């Protein structure tokens, strides 16, 4: 998340590809 948006925190809500669990 920090790589994608430059920041993080909770709740952490993220979408993963089902075949390999890589977030997008």
PDBML (XML) file of the C-alpha atoms, coordinates in Angstrom:
<?xml version="1.0" encoding="UTF-8" ?>
<PDBx:datablock datablockName="MODEL"
   xmlns:PDBx="http://pdbml.pdb.org/schema/pdbx-v50.xsd"
   xmlns:xsi="http://www.w3.org/2001/XMLSchema-instance"
   xsi:schemaLocation="http://pdbml.pdb.org/schema/pdbx-v50.xsd pdbx-v50.xsd">
   <PDBx:atom_siteCategory>
      <PDBx:atom_site id="1">
         <PDBx:B_iso_or_equiv>0.00</PDBx:B_iso_or_equiv>
         <PDBx:Cartn_x>0.000</PDBx:Cartn_x>
         <PDBx:Cartn_y>0.000</PDBx:Cartn_y>
         <PDBx:Cartn_z>0.000</PDBx:Cartn_z>
         <PDBx:auth_asym_id>A</PDBx:auth_asym_id>
         <PDBx:auth_atom_id>CA</PDBx:auth_atom_id>
         <PDBx:auth_comp_id>UNK</PDBx:auth_comp_id>
         <PDBx:auth_seq_id>1</PDBx:auth_seq_id>
         <PDBx:group_PDB>ATOM</PDBx:group_PDB>
         <PDBx:label_alt_id xsi:nil="true" />
         <PDBx:label_asym_id>A</PDBx:label_asym_id>
         <PDBx:label_atom_id>CA</PDBx:label_atom_id>
         <PDBx:label_comp_id>UNK</PDBx:label_comp_id>
         <PDBx:label_entity_id>1</PDBx:label_entity_id>
         <PDBx:label_seq_id>1</PDBx:label_seq_id>
         <PDBx:occupancy>1.00</PDBx:occupancy>
         <PDBx:pdbx_PDB_model_num>1</PDBx:pdbx_PDB_model_num>
         <PDBx:type_symbol>C</PDBx:type_symbol>
      </PDBx:atom_site>
      <PDBx:atom_site id="2">
         <PDBx:B_iso_or_equiv>0.00</PDBx:B_iso_or_equiv>
         <PDBx:Cartn_x>2.807</PDBx:Cartn_x>
         <PDBx:Cartn_y>2.416</PDBx:Cartn_y>
         <PDBx:Cartn_z>0.847</PDBx:Cartn_z>
         <PDBx:auth_asym_id>A</PDBx:auth_asym_id>
         <PDBx:auth_atom_id>CA</PDBx:auth_atom_id>
         <PDBx:auth_comp_id>UNK</PDBx:auth_comp_id>
         <PDBx:auth_seq_id>2</PDBx:auth_seq_id>
         <PDBx:group_PDB>ATOM</PDBx:group_PDB>
         <PDBx:label_alt_id xsi:nil="true" />
         <PDBx:label_asym_id>A</PDBx:label_asym_id>
         <PDBx:label_atom_id>CA</PDBx:label_atom_id>
         <PDBx:label_comp_id>UNK</PDBx:label_comp_id>
         <PDBx:label_entity_id>1</PDBx:label_entity_id>
         <PDBx:label_seq_id>2</PDBx:label_seq_id>
         <PDBx:occupancy>1.00</PDBx:occupancy>
         <PDBx:pdbx_PDB_model_num>1</PDBx:pdbx_PDB_model_num>
         <PDBx:type_symbol>C</PDBx:type_symbol>
      </PDBx:atom_site>
      <PDBx:atom_site id="3">
         <PDBx:B_iso_or_equiv>0.00</PDBx:B_iso_or_equiv>
         <PDBx:Cartn_x>4.421</PDBx:Cartn_x>
         <PDBx:Cartn_y>1.663</PDBx:Cartn_y>
         <PDBx:Cartn_z>-2.517</PDBx:Cartn_z>
         <PDBx:auth_asym_id>A</PDBx:auth_asym_id>
         <PDBx:auth_atom_id>CA</PDBx:auth_atom_id>
         <PDBx:auth_comp_id>UNK</PDBx:auth_comp_id>
         <PDBx:auth_seq_id>3</PDBx:auth_seq_id>
         <PDBx:group_PDB>ATOM</PDBx:group_PDB>
         <PDBx:label_alt_id xsi:nil="true" />
         <PDBx:label_asym_id>A</PDBx:label_asym_id>
         <PDBx:label_atom_id>CA</PDBx:label_atom_id>
         <PDBx:label_comp_id>UNK</PDBx:label_comp_id>
         <PDBx:label_entity_id>1</PDBx:label_entity_id>
         <PDBx:label_seq_id>3</PDBx:label_seq_id>
         <PDBx:occupancy>1.00</PDBx:occupancy>
         <PDBx:pdbx_PDB_model_num>1</PDBx:pdbx_PDB_model_num>
         <PDBx:type_symbol>C</PDBx:type_symbol>
      </PDBx:atom_site>
      <PDBx:atom_site id="4">
         <PDBx:B_iso_or_equiv>0.00</PDBx:B_iso_or_equiv>
         <PDBx:Cartn_x>1.135</PDBx:Cartn_x>
         <PDBx:Cartn_y>2.325</PDBx:Cartn_y>
         <PDBx:Cartn_z>-4.328</PDBx:Cartn_z>
         <PDBx:auth_asym_id>A</PDBx:auth_asym_id>
         <PDBx:auth_atom_id>CA</PDBx:auth_atom_id>
         <PDBx:auth_comp_id>UNK</PDBx:auth_comp_id>
         <PDBx:auth_seq_id>4</PDBx:auth_seq_id>
         <PDBx:group_PDB>ATOM</PDBx:group_PDB>
         <PDBx:label_alt_id xsi:nil="true" />
         <PDBx:label_asym_id>A</PDBx:label_asym_id>
         <PDBx:label_atom_id>CA</PDBx:label_atom_id>
         <PDBx:label_comp_id>UNK</PDBx:label_comp_id>
         <PDBx:label_entity_id>1</PDBx:label_entity_id>
         <PDBx:label_seq_id>4</PDBx:label_seq_id>
         <PDBx:occupancy>1.00</PDBx:occupancy>
         <PDBx:pdbx_PDB_model_num>1</PDBx:pdbx_PDB_model_num>
         <PDBx:type_symbol>C</PDBx:type_symbol>
      </PDBx:atom_site>
      <PDBx:atom_site id="5">
         <PDBx:B_iso_or_equiv>0.00</PDBx:B_iso_or_equiv>
         <PDBx:Cartn_x>-0.091</PDBx:Cartn_x>
         <PDBx:Cartn_y>5.409</PDBx:Cartn_y>
         <PDBx:Cartn_z>-2.460</PDBx:Cartn_z>
         <PDBx:auth_asym_id>A</PDBx:auth_asym_id>
         <PDBx:auth_atom_id>CA</PDBx:auth_atom_id>
         <PDBx:auth_comp_id>UNK</PDBx:auth_comp_id>
         <PDBx:auth_seq_id>5</PDBx:auth_seq_id>
         <PDBx:group_PDB>ATOM</PDBx:group_PDB>
         <PDBx:label_alt_id xsi:nil="true" />
         <PDBx:label_asym_id>A</PDBx:label_asym_id>
         <PDBx:label_atom_id>CA</PDBx:label_atom_id>
         <PDBx:label_comp_id>UNK</PDBx:label_comp_id>
         <PDBx:label_entity_id>1</PDBx:label_entity_id>
         <PDBx:label_seq_id>5</PDBx:label_seq_id>
         <PDBx:occupancy>1.00</PDBx:occupancy>
         <PDBx:pdbx_PDB_model_num>1</PDBx:pdbx_PDB_model_num>
         <PDBx:type_symbol>C</PDBx:type_symbol>
      </PDBx:atom_site>
      <PDBx:atom_site id="6">
         <PDBx:B_iso_or_equiv>0.00</PDBx:B_iso_or_equiv>
         <PDBx:Cartn_x>2.873</PDBx:Cartn_x>
         <PDBx:Cartn_y>6.786</PDBx:Cartn_y>
         <PDBx:Cartn_z>-0.523</PDBx:Cartn_z>
         <PDBx:auth_asym_id>A</PDBx:auth_asym_id>
         <PDBx:auth_atom_id>CA</PDBx:auth_atom_id>
         <PDBx:auth_comp_id>UNK</PDBx:auth_comp_id>
         <PDBx:auth_seq_id>6</PDBx:auth_seq_id>
         <PDBx:group_PDB>ATOM</PDBx:group_PDB>
         <PDBx:label_alt_id xsi:nil="true" />
         <PDBx:label_asym_id>A</PDBx:label_asym_id>
         <PDBx:label_atom_id>CA</PDBx:label_atom_id>
         <PDBx:label_comp_id>UNK</PDBx:label_comp_id>
         <PDBx:label_entity_id>1</PDBx:label_entity_id>
         <PDBx:label_seq_id>6</PDBx:label_seq_id>
         <PDBx:occupancy>1.00</PDBx:occupancy>
         <PDBx:pdbx_PDB_model_num>1</PDBx:pdbx_PDB_model_num>
         <PDBx:type_symbol>C</PDBx:type_symbol>
      </PDBx:atom_site>
      <PDBx:atom_site id="7">
         <PDBx:B_iso_or_equiv>0.00</PDBx:B_iso_or_equiv>
         <PDBx:Cartn_x>1.155</PDBx:Cartn_x>
         <PDBx:Cartn_y>6.288</PDBx:Cartn_y>
         <PDBx:Cartn_z>2.815</PDBx:Cartn_z>
         <PDBx:auth_asym_id>A</PDBx:auth_asym_id>
         <PDBx:auth_atom_id>CA</PDBx:auth_atom_id>
         <PDBx:auth_comp_id>UNK</PDBx:auth_comp_id>
         <PDBx:auth_seq_id>7</PDBx:auth_seq_id>
         <PDBx:group_PDB>ATOM</PDBx:group_PDB>
         <PDBx:label_alt_id xsi:nil="true" />
         <PDBx:label_asym_id>A</PDBx:label_asym_id>
         <PDBx:label_atom_id>CA</PDBx:label_atom_id>
         <PDBx:label_comp_id>UNK</PDBx:label_comp_id>
         <PDBx:label_entity_id>1</PDBx:label_entity_id>
         <PDBx:label_seq_id>7</PDBx:label_seq_id>
         <PDBx:occupancy>1.00</PDBx:occupancy>
         <PDBx:pdbx_PDB_model_num>1</PDBx:pdbx_PDB_model_num>
         <PDBx:type_symbol>C</PDBx:type_symbol>
      </PDBx:atom_site>
      <PDBx:atom_site id="8">
         <PDBx:B_iso_or_equiv>0.00</PDBx:B_iso_or_equiv>
         <PDBx:Cartn_x>-0.388</PDBx:Cartn_x>
         <PDBx:Cartn_y>3.608</PDBx:Cartn_y>
         <PDBx:Cartn_z>5.007</PDBx:Cartn_z>
         <PDBx:auth_asym_id>A</PDBx:auth_asym_id>
         <PDBx:auth_atom_id>CA</PDBx:auth_atom_id>
         <PDBx:auth_comp_id>UNK</PDBx:auth_comp_id>
         <PDBx:auth_seq_id>8</PDBx:auth_seq_id>
         <PDBx:group_PDB>ATOM</PDBx:group_PDB>
         <PDBx:label_alt_id xsi:nil="true" />
         <PDBx:label_asym_id>A</PDBx:label_asym_id>
         <PDBx:label_atom_id>CA</PDBx:label_atom_id>
         <PDBx:label_comp_id>UNK</PDBx:label_comp_id>
         <PDBx:label_entity_id>1</PDBx:label_entity_id>
         <PDBx:label_seq_id>8</PDBx:label_seq_id>
         <PDBx:occupancy>1.00</PDBx:occupancy>
         <PDBx:pdbx_PDB_model_num>1</PDBx:pdbx_PDB_model_num>
         <PDBx:type_symbol>C</PDBx:type_symbol>
      </PDBx:atom_site>
      <PDBx:atom_site id="9">
         <PDBx:B_iso_or_equiv>0.00</PDBx:B_iso_or_equiv>
         <PDBx:Cartn_x>-2.494</PDBx:Cartn_x>
         <PDBx:Cartn_y>3.059</PDBx:Cartn_y>
         <PDBx:Cartn_z>8.089</PDBx:Cartn_z>
         <PDBx:auth_asym_id>A</PDBx:auth_asym_id>
         <PDBx:auth_atom_id>CA</PDBx:auth_atom_id>
         <PDBx:auth_comp_id>UNK</PDBx:auth_comp_id>
         <PDBx:auth_seq_id>9</PDBx:auth_seq_id>
         <PDBx:group_PDB>ATOM</PDBx:group_PDB>
         <PDBx:label_alt_id xsi:nil="true" />
         <PDBx:label_asym_id>A</PDBx:label_asym_id>
         <PDBx:label_atom_id>CA</PDBx:label_atom_id>
         <PDBx:label_comp_id>UNK</PDBx:label_comp_id>
         <PDBx:label_entity_id>1</PDBx:label_entity_id>
         <PDBx:label_seq_id>9</PDBx:label_seq_id>
         <PDBx:occupancy>1.00</PDBx:occupancy>
         <PDBx:pdbx_PDB_model_num>1</PDBx:pdbx_PDB_model_num>
         <PDBx:type_symbol>C</PDBx:type_symbol>
      </PDBx:atom_site>
      <PDBx:atom_site id="10">
         <PDBx:B_iso_or_equiv>0.00</PDBx:B_iso_or_equiv>
         <PDBx:Cartn_x>-5.437</PDBx:Cartn_x>
         <PDBx:Cartn_y>1.093</PDBx:Cartn_y>
         <PDBx:Cartn_z>9.373</PDBx:Cartn_z>
         <PDBx:auth_asym_id>A</PDBx:auth_asym_id>
         <PDBx:auth_atom_id>CA</PDBx:auth_atom_id>
         <PDBx:auth_comp_id>UNK</PDBx:auth_comp_id>
         <PDBx:auth_seq_id>10</PDBx:auth_seq_id>
         <PDBx:group_PDB>ATOM</PDBx:group_PDB>
         <PDBx:label_alt_id xsi:nil="true" />
         <PDBx:label_asym_id>A</PDBx:label_asym_id>
         <PDBx:label_atom_id>CA</PDBx:label_atom_id>
         <PDBx:label_comp_id>UNK</PDBx:label_comp_id>
         <PDBx:label_entity_id>1</PDBx:label_entity_id>
         <PDBx:label_seq_id>10</PDBx:label_seq_id>
         <PDBx:occupancy>1.00</PDBx:occupancy>
         <PDBx:pdbx_PDB_model_num>1</PDBx:pdbx_PDB_model_num>
         <PDBx:type_symbol>C</PDBx:type_symbol>
      </PDBx:atom_site>
      <PDBx:atom_site id="11">
         <PDBx:B_iso_or_equiv>0.00</PDBx:B_iso_or_equiv>
         <PDBx:Cartn_x>-7.917</PDBx:Cartn_x>
         <PDBx:Cartn_y>-0.020</PDBx:Cartn_y>
         <PDBx:Cartn_z>8.335</PDBx:Cartn_z>
         <PDBx:auth_asym_id>A</PDBx:auth_asym_id>
         <PDBx:auth_atom_id>CA</PDBx:auth_atom_id>
         <PDBx:auth_comp_id>UNK</PDBx:auth_comp_id>
         <PDBx:auth_seq_id>11</PDBx:auth_seq_id>
         <PDBx:group_PDB>ATOM</PDBx:group_PDB>
         <PDBx:label_alt_id xsi:nil="true" />
         <PDBx:label_asym_id>A</PDBx:label_asym_id>
         <PDBx:label_atom_id>CA</PDBx:label_atom_id>
         <PDBx:label_comp_id>UNK</PDBx:label_comp_id>
         <PDBx:label_entity_id>1</PDBx:label_entity_id>
         <PDBx:label_seq_id>11</PDBx:label_seq_id>
         <PDBx:occupancy>1.00</PDBx:occupancy>
         <PDBx:pdbx_PDB_model_num>1</PDBx:pdbx_PDB_model_num>
         <PDBx:type_symbol>C</PDBx:type_symbol>
      </PDBx:atom_site>
      <PDBx:atom_site id="12">
         <PDBx:B_iso_or_equiv>0.00</PDBx:B_iso_or_equiv>
         <PDBx:Cartn_x>-5.809</PDBx:Cartn_x>
         <PDBx:Cartn_y>-1.376</PDBx:Cartn_y>
         <PDBx:Cartn_z>5.484</PDBx:Cartn_z>
         <PDBx:auth_asym_id>A</PDBx:auth_asym_id>
         <PDBx:auth_atom_id>CA</PDBx:auth_atom_id>
         <PDBx:auth_comp_id>UNK</PDBx:auth_comp_id>
         <PDBx:auth_seq_id>12</PDBx:auth_seq_id>
         <PDBx:group_PDB>ATOM</PDBx:group_PDB>
         <PDBx:label_alt_id xsi:nil="true" />
         <PDBx:label_asym_id>A</PDBx:label_asym_id>
         <PDBx:label_atom_id>CA</PDBx:label_atom_id>
         <PDBx:label_comp_id>UNK</PDBx:label_comp_id>
         <PDBx:label_entity_id>1</PDBx:label_entity_id>
         <PDBx:label_seq_id>12</PDBx:label_seq_id>
         <PDBx:occupancy>1.00</PDBx:occupancy>
         <PDBx:pdbx_PDB_model_num>1</PDBx:pdbx_PDB_model_num>
         <PDBx:type_symbol>C</PDBx:type_symbol>
      </PDBx:atom_site>
      <PDBx:atom_site id="13">
         <PDBx:B_iso_or_equiv>0.00</PDBx:B_iso_or_equiv>
         <PDBx:Cartn_x>-8.122</PDBx:Cartn_x>
         <PDBx:Cartn_y>-2.169</PDBx:Cartn_y>
         <PDBx:Cartn_z>2.563</PDBx:Cartn_z>
         <PDBx:auth_asym_id>A</PDBx:auth_asym_id>
         <PDBx:auth_atom_id>CA</PDBx:auth_atom_id>
         <PDBx:auth_comp_id>UNK</PDBx:auth_comp_id>
         <PDBx:auth_seq_id>13</PDBx:auth_seq_id>
         <PDBx:group_PDB>ATOM</PDBx:group_PDB>
         <PDBx:label_alt_id xsi:nil="true" />
         <PDBx:label_asym_id>A</PDBx:label_asym_id>
         <PDBx:label_atom_id>CA</PDBx:label_atom_id>
         <PDBx:label_comp_id>UNK</PDBx:label_comp_id>
         <PDBx:label_entity_id>1</PDBx:label_entity_id>
         <PDBx:label_seq_id>13</PDBx:label_seq_id>
         <PDBx:occupancy>1.00</PDBx:occupancy>
         <PDBx:pdbx_PDB_model_num>1</PDBx:pdbx_PDB_model_num>
         <PDBx:type_symbol>C</PDBx:type_symbol>
      </PDBx:atom_site>
      <PDBx:atom_site id="14">
         <PDBx:B_iso_or_equiv>0.00</PDBx:B_iso_or_equiv>
         <PDBx:Cartn_x>-6.480</PDBx:Cartn_x>
         <PDBx:Cartn_y>-3.674</PDBx:Cartn_y>
         <PDBx:Cartn_z>-0.488</PDBx:Cartn_z>
         <PDBx:auth_asym_id>A</PDBx:auth_asym_id>
         <PDBx:auth_atom_id>CA</PDBx:auth_atom_id>
         <PDBx:auth_comp_id>UNK</PDBx:auth_comp_id>
         <PDBx:auth_seq_id>14</PDBx:auth_seq_id>
         <PDBx:group_PDB>ATOM</PDBx:group_PDB>
         <PDBx:label_alt_id xsi:nil="true" />
         <PDBx:label_asym_id>A</PDBx:label_asym_id>
         <PDBx:label_atom_id>CA</PDBx:label_atom_id>
         <PDBx:label_comp_id>UNK</PDBx:label_comp_id>
         <PDBx:label_entity_id>1</PDBx:label_entity_id>
         <PDBx:label_seq_id>14</PDBx:label_seq_id>
         <PDBx:occupancy>1.00</PDBx:occupancy>
         <PDBx:pdbx_PDB_model_num>1</PDBx:pdbx_PDB_model_num>
         <PDBx:type_symbol>C</PDBx:type_symbol>
      </PDBx:atom_site>
      <PDBx:atom_site id="15">
         <PDBx:B_iso_or_equiv>0.00</PDBx:B_iso_or_equiv>
         <PDBx:Cartn_x>-7.556</PDBx:Cartn_x>
         <PDBx:Cartn_y>-5.634</PDBx:Cartn_y>
         <PDBx:Cartn_z>-3.575</PDBx:Cartn_z>
         <PDBx:auth_asym_id>A</PDBx:auth_asym_id>
         <PDBx:auth_atom_id>CA</PDBx:auth_atom_id>
         <PDBx:auth_comp_id>UNK</PDBx:auth_comp_id>
         <PDBx:auth_seq_id>15</PDBx:auth_seq_id>
         <PDBx:group_PDB>ATOM</PDBx:group_PDB>
         <PDBx:label_alt_id xsi:nil="true" />
         <PDBx:label_asym_id>A</PDBx:label_asym_id>
         <PDBx:label_atom_id>CA</PDBx:label_atom_id>
         <PDBx:label_comp_id>UNK</PDBx:label_comp_id>
         <PDBx:label_entity_id>1</PDBx:label_entity_id>
         <PDBx:label_seq_id>15</PDBx:label_seq_id>
         <PDBx:occupancy>1.00</PDBx:occupancy>
         <PDBx:pdbx_PDB_model_num>1</PDBx:pdbx_PDB_model_num>
         <PDBx:type_symbol>C</PDBx:type_symbol>
      </PDBx:atom_site>
      <PDBx:atom_site id="16">
         <PDBx:B_iso_or_equiv>0.00</PDBx:B_iso_or_equiv>
         <PDBx:Cartn_x>-5.661</PDBx:Cartn_x>
         <PDBx:Cartn_y>-8.783</PDBx:Cartn_y>
         <PDBx:Cartn_z>-4.594</PDBx:Cartn_z>
         <PDBx:auth_asym_id>A</PDBx:auth_asym_id>
         <PDBx:auth_atom_id>CA</PDBx:auth_atom_id>
         <PDBx:auth_comp_id>UNK</PDBx:auth_comp_id>
         <PDBx:auth_seq_id>16</PDBx:auth_seq_id>
         <PDBx:group_PDB>ATOM</PDBx:group_PDB>
         <PDBx:label_alt_id xsi:nil="true" />
         <PDBx:label_asym_id>A</PDBx:label_asym_id>
         <PDBx:label_atom_id>CA</PDBx:label_atom_id>
         <PDBx:label_comp_id>UNK</PDBx:label_comp_id>
         <PDBx:label_entity_id>1</PDBx:label_entity_id>
         <PDBx:label_seq_id>16</PDBx:label_seq_id>
         <PDBx:occupancy>1.00</PDBx:occupancy>
         <PDBx:pdbx_PDB_model_num>1</PDBx:pdbx_PDB_model_num>
         <PDBx:type_symbol>C</PDBx:type_symbol>
      </PDBx:atom_site>
      <PDBx:atom_site id="17">
         <PDBx:B_iso_or_equiv>0.00</PDBx:B_iso_or_equiv>
         <PDBx:Cartn_x>-5.596</PDBx:Cartn_x>
         <PDBx:Cartn_y>-10.761</PDBx:Cartn_y>
         <PDBx:Cartn_z>-7.796</PDBx:Cartn_z>
         <PDBx:auth_asym_id>A</PDBx:auth_asym_id>
         <PDBx:auth_atom_id>CA</PDBx:auth_atom_id>
         <PDBx:auth_comp_id>UNK</PDBx:auth_comp_id>
         <PDBx:auth_seq_id>17</PDBx:auth_seq_id>
         <PDBx:group_PDB>ATOM</PDBx:group_PDB>
         <PDBx:label_alt_id xsi:nil="true" />
         <PDBx:label_asym_id>A</PDBx:label_asym_id>
         <PDBx:label_atom_id>CA</PDBx:label_atom_id>
         <PDBx:label_comp_id>UNK</PDBx:label_comp_id>
         <PDBx:label_entity_id>1</PDBx:label_entity_id>
         <PDBx:label_seq_id>17</PDBx:label_seq_id>
         <PDBx:occupancy>1.00</PDBx:occupancy>
         <PDBx:pdbx_PDB_model_num>1</PDBx:pdbx_PDB_model_num>
         <PDBx:type_symbol>C</PDBx:type_symbol>
      </PDBx:atom_site>
      <PDBx:atom_site id="18">
         <PDBx:B_iso_or_equiv>0.00</PDBx:B_iso_or_equiv>
         <PDBx:Cartn_x>-7.010</PDBx:Cartn_x>
         <PDBx:Cartn_y>-14.212</PDBx:Cartn_y>
         <PDBx:Cartn_z>-6.962</PDBx:Cartn_z>
         <PDBx:auth_asym_id>A</PDBx:auth_asym_id>
         <PDBx:auth_atom_id>CA</PDBx:auth_atom_id>
         <PDBx:auth_comp_id>UNK</PDBx:auth_comp_id>
         <PDBx:auth_seq_id>18</PDBx:auth_seq_id>
         <PDBx:group_PDB>ATOM</PDBx:group_PDB>
         <PDBx:label_alt_id xsi:nil="true" />
         <PDBx:label_asym_id>A</PDBx:label_asym_id>
         <PDBx:label_atom_id>CA</PDBx:label_atom_id>
         <PDBx:label_comp_id>UNK</PDBx:label_comp_id>
         <PDBx:label_entity_id>1</PDBx:label_entity_id>
         <PDBx:label_seq_id>18</PDBx:label_seq_id>
         <PDBx:occupancy>1.00</PDBx:occupancy>
         <PDBx:pdbx_PDB_model_num>1</PDBx:pdbx_PDB_model_num>
         <PDBx:type_symbol>C</PDBx:type_symbol>
      </PDBx:atom_site>
      <PDBx:atom_site id="19">
         <PDBx:B_iso_or_equiv>0.00</PDBx:B_iso_or_equiv>
         <PDBx:Cartn_x>-4.485</PDBx:Cartn_x>
         <PDBx:Cartn_y>-16.227</PDBx:Cartn_y>
         <PDBx:Cartn_z>-8.956</PDBx:Cartn_z>
         <PDBx:auth_asym_id>A</PDBx:auth_asym_id>
         <PDBx:auth_atom_id>CA</PDBx:auth_atom_id>
         <PDBx:auth_comp_id>UNK</PDBx:auth_comp_id>
         <PDBx:auth_seq_id>19</PDBx:auth_seq_id>
         <PDBx:group_PDB>ATOM</PDBx:group_PDB>
         <PDBx:label_alt_id xsi:nil="true" />
         <PDBx:label_asym_id>A</PDBx:label_asym_id>
         <PDBx:label_atom_id>CA</PDBx:label_atom_id>
         <PDBx:label_comp_id>UNK</PDBx:label_comp_id>
         <PDBx:label_entity_id>1</PDBx:label_entity_id>
         <PDBx:label_seq_id>19</PDBx:label_seq_id>
         <PDBx:occupancy>1.00</PDBx:occupancy>
         <PDBx:pdbx_PDB_model_num>1</PDBx:pdbx_PDB_model_num>
         <PDBx:type_symbol>C</PDBx:type_symbol>
      </PDBx:atom_site>
      <PDBx:atom_site id="20">
         <PDBx:B_iso_or_equiv>0.00</PDBx:B_iso_or_equiv>
         <PDBx:Cartn_x>-1.322</PDBx:Cartn_x>
         <PDBx:Cartn_y>-14.985</PDBx:Cartn_y>
         <PDBx:Cartn_z>-7.225</PDBx:Cartn_z>
         <PDBx:auth_asym_id>A</PDBx:auth_asym_id>
         <PDBx:auth_atom_id>CA</PDBx:auth_atom_id>
         <PDBx:auth_comp_id>UNK</PDBx:auth_comp_id>
         <PDBx:auth_seq_id>20</PDBx:auth_seq_id>
         <PDBx:group_PDB>ATOM</PDBx:group_PDB>
         <PDBx:label_alt_id xsi:nil="true" />
         <PDBx:label_asym_id>A</PDBx:label_asym_id>
         <PDBx:label_atom_id>CA</PDBx:label_atom_id>
         <PDBx:label_comp_id>UNK</PDBx:label_comp_id>
         <PDBx:label_entity_id>1</PDBx:label_entity_id>
         <PDBx:label_seq_id>20</PDBx:label_seq_id>
         <PDBx:occupancy>1.00</PDBx:occupancy>
         <PDBx:pdbx_PDB_model_num>1</PDBx:pdbx_PDB_model_num>
         <PDBx:type_symbol>C</PDBx:type_symbol>
      </PDBx:atom_site>
      <PDBx:atom_site id="21">
         <PDBx:B_iso_or_equiv>0.00</PDBx:B_iso_or_equiv>
         <PDBx:Cartn_x>-2.445</PDBx:Cartn_x>
         <PDBx:Cartn_y>-12.717</PDBx:Cartn_y>
         <PDBx:Cartn_z>-4.322</PDBx:Cartn_z>
         <PDBx:auth_asym_id>A</PDBx:auth_asym_id>
         <PDBx:auth_atom_id>CA</PDBx:auth_atom_id>
         <PDBx:auth_comp_id>UNK</PDBx:auth_comp_id>
         <PDBx:auth_seq_id>21</PDBx:auth_seq_id>
         <PDBx:group_PDB>ATOM</PDBx:group_PDB>
         <PDBx:label_alt_id xsi:nil="true" />
         <PDBx:label_asym_id>A</PDBx:label_asym_id>
         <PDBx:label_atom_id>CA</PDBx:label_atom_id>
         <PDBx:label_comp_id>UNK</PDBx:label_comp_id>
         <PDBx:label_entity_id>1</PDBx:label_entity_id>
         <PDBx:label_seq_id>21</PDBx:label_seq_id>
         <PDBx:occupancy>1.00</PDBx:occupancy>
         <PDBx:pdbx_PDB_model_num>1</PDBx:pdbx_PDB_model_num>
         <PDBx:type_symbol>C</PDBx:type_symbol>
      </PDBx:atom_site>
      <PDBx:atom_site id="22">
         <PDBx:B_iso_or_equiv>0.00</PDBx:B_iso_or_equiv>
         <PDBx:Cartn_x>-0.572</PDBx:Cartn_x>
         <PDBx:Cartn_y>-9.730</PDBx:Cartn_y>
         <PDBx:Cartn_z>-5.771</PDBx:Cartn_z>
         <PDBx:auth_asym_id>A</PDBx:auth_asym_id>
         <PDBx:auth_atom_id>CA</PDBx:auth_atom_id>
         <PDBx:auth_comp_id>UNK</PDBx:auth_comp_id>
         <PDBx:auth_seq_id>22</PDBx:auth_seq_id>
         <PDBx:group_PDB>ATOM</PDBx:group_PDB>
         <PDBx:label_alt_id xsi:nil="true" />
         <PDBx:label_asym_id>A</PDBx:label_asym_id>
         <PDBx:label_atom_id>CA</PDBx:label_atom_id>
         <PDBx:label_comp_id>UNK</PDBx:label_comp_id>
         <PDBx:label_entity_id>1</PDBx:label_entity_id>
         <PDBx:label_seq_id>22</PDBx:label_seq_id>
         <PDBx:occupancy>1.00</PDBx:occupancy>
         <PDBx:pdbx_PDB_model_num>1</PDBx:pdbx_PDB_model_num>
         <PDBx:type_symbol>C</PDBx:type_symbol>
      </PDBx:atom_site>
      <PDBx:atom_site id="23">
         <PDBx:B_iso_or_equiv>0.00</PDBx:B_iso_or_equiv>
         <PDBx:Cartn_x>-2.255</PDBx:Cartn_x>
         <PDBx:Cartn_y>-6.421</PDBx:Cartn_y>
         <PDBx:Cartn_z>-4.804</PDBx:Cartn_z>
         <PDBx:auth_asym_id>A</PDBx:auth_asym_id>
         <PDBx:auth_atom_id>CA</PDBx:auth_atom_id>
         <PDBx:auth_comp_id>UNK</PDBx:auth_comp_id>
         <PDBx:auth_seq_id>23</PDBx:auth_seq_id>
         <PDBx:group_PDB>ATOM</PDBx:group_PDB>
         <PDBx:label_alt_id xsi:nil="true" />
         <PDBx:label_asym_id>A</PDBx:label_asym_id>
         <PDBx:label_atom_id>CA</PDBx:label_atom_id>
         <PDBx:label_comp_id>UNK</PDBx:label_comp_id>
         <PDBx:label_entity_id>1</PDBx:label_entity_id>
         <PDBx:label_seq_id>23</PDBx:label_seq_id>
         <PDBx:occupancy>1.00</PDBx:occupancy>
         <PDBx:pdbx_PDB_model_num>1</PDBx:pdbx_PDB_model_num>
         <PDBx:type_symbol>C</PDBx:type_symbol>
      </PDBx:atom_site>
      <PDBx:atom_site id="24">
         <PDBx:B_iso_or_equiv>0.00</PDBx:B_iso_or_equiv>
         <PDBx:Cartn_x>-3.215</PDBx:Cartn_x>
         <PDBx:Cartn_y>-3.899</PDBx:Cartn_y>
         <PDBx:Cartn_z>-7.455</PDBx:Cartn_z>
         <PDBx:auth_asym_id>A</PDBx:auth_asym_id>
         <PDBx:auth_atom_id>CA</PDBx:auth_atom_id>
         <PDBx:auth_comp_id>UNK</PDBx:auth_comp_id>
         <PDBx:auth_seq_id>24</PDBx:auth_seq_id>
         <PDBx:group_PDB>ATOM</PDBx:group_PDB>
         <PDBx:label_alt_id xsi:nil="true" />
         <PDBx:label_asym_id>A</PDBx:label_asym_id>
         <PDBx:label_atom_id>CA</PDBx:label_atom_id>
         <PDBx:label_comp_id>UNK</PDBx:label_comp_id>
         <PDBx:label_entity_id>1</PDBx:label_entity_id>
         <PDBx:label_seq_id>24</PDBx:label_seq_id>
         <PDBx:occupancy>1.00</PDBx:occupancy>
         <PDBx:pdbx_PDB_model_num>1</PDBx:pdbx_PDB_model_num>
         <PDBx:type_symbol>C</PDBx:type_symbol>
      </PDBx:atom_site>
   </PDBx:atom_siteCategory>
</PDBx:datablock>
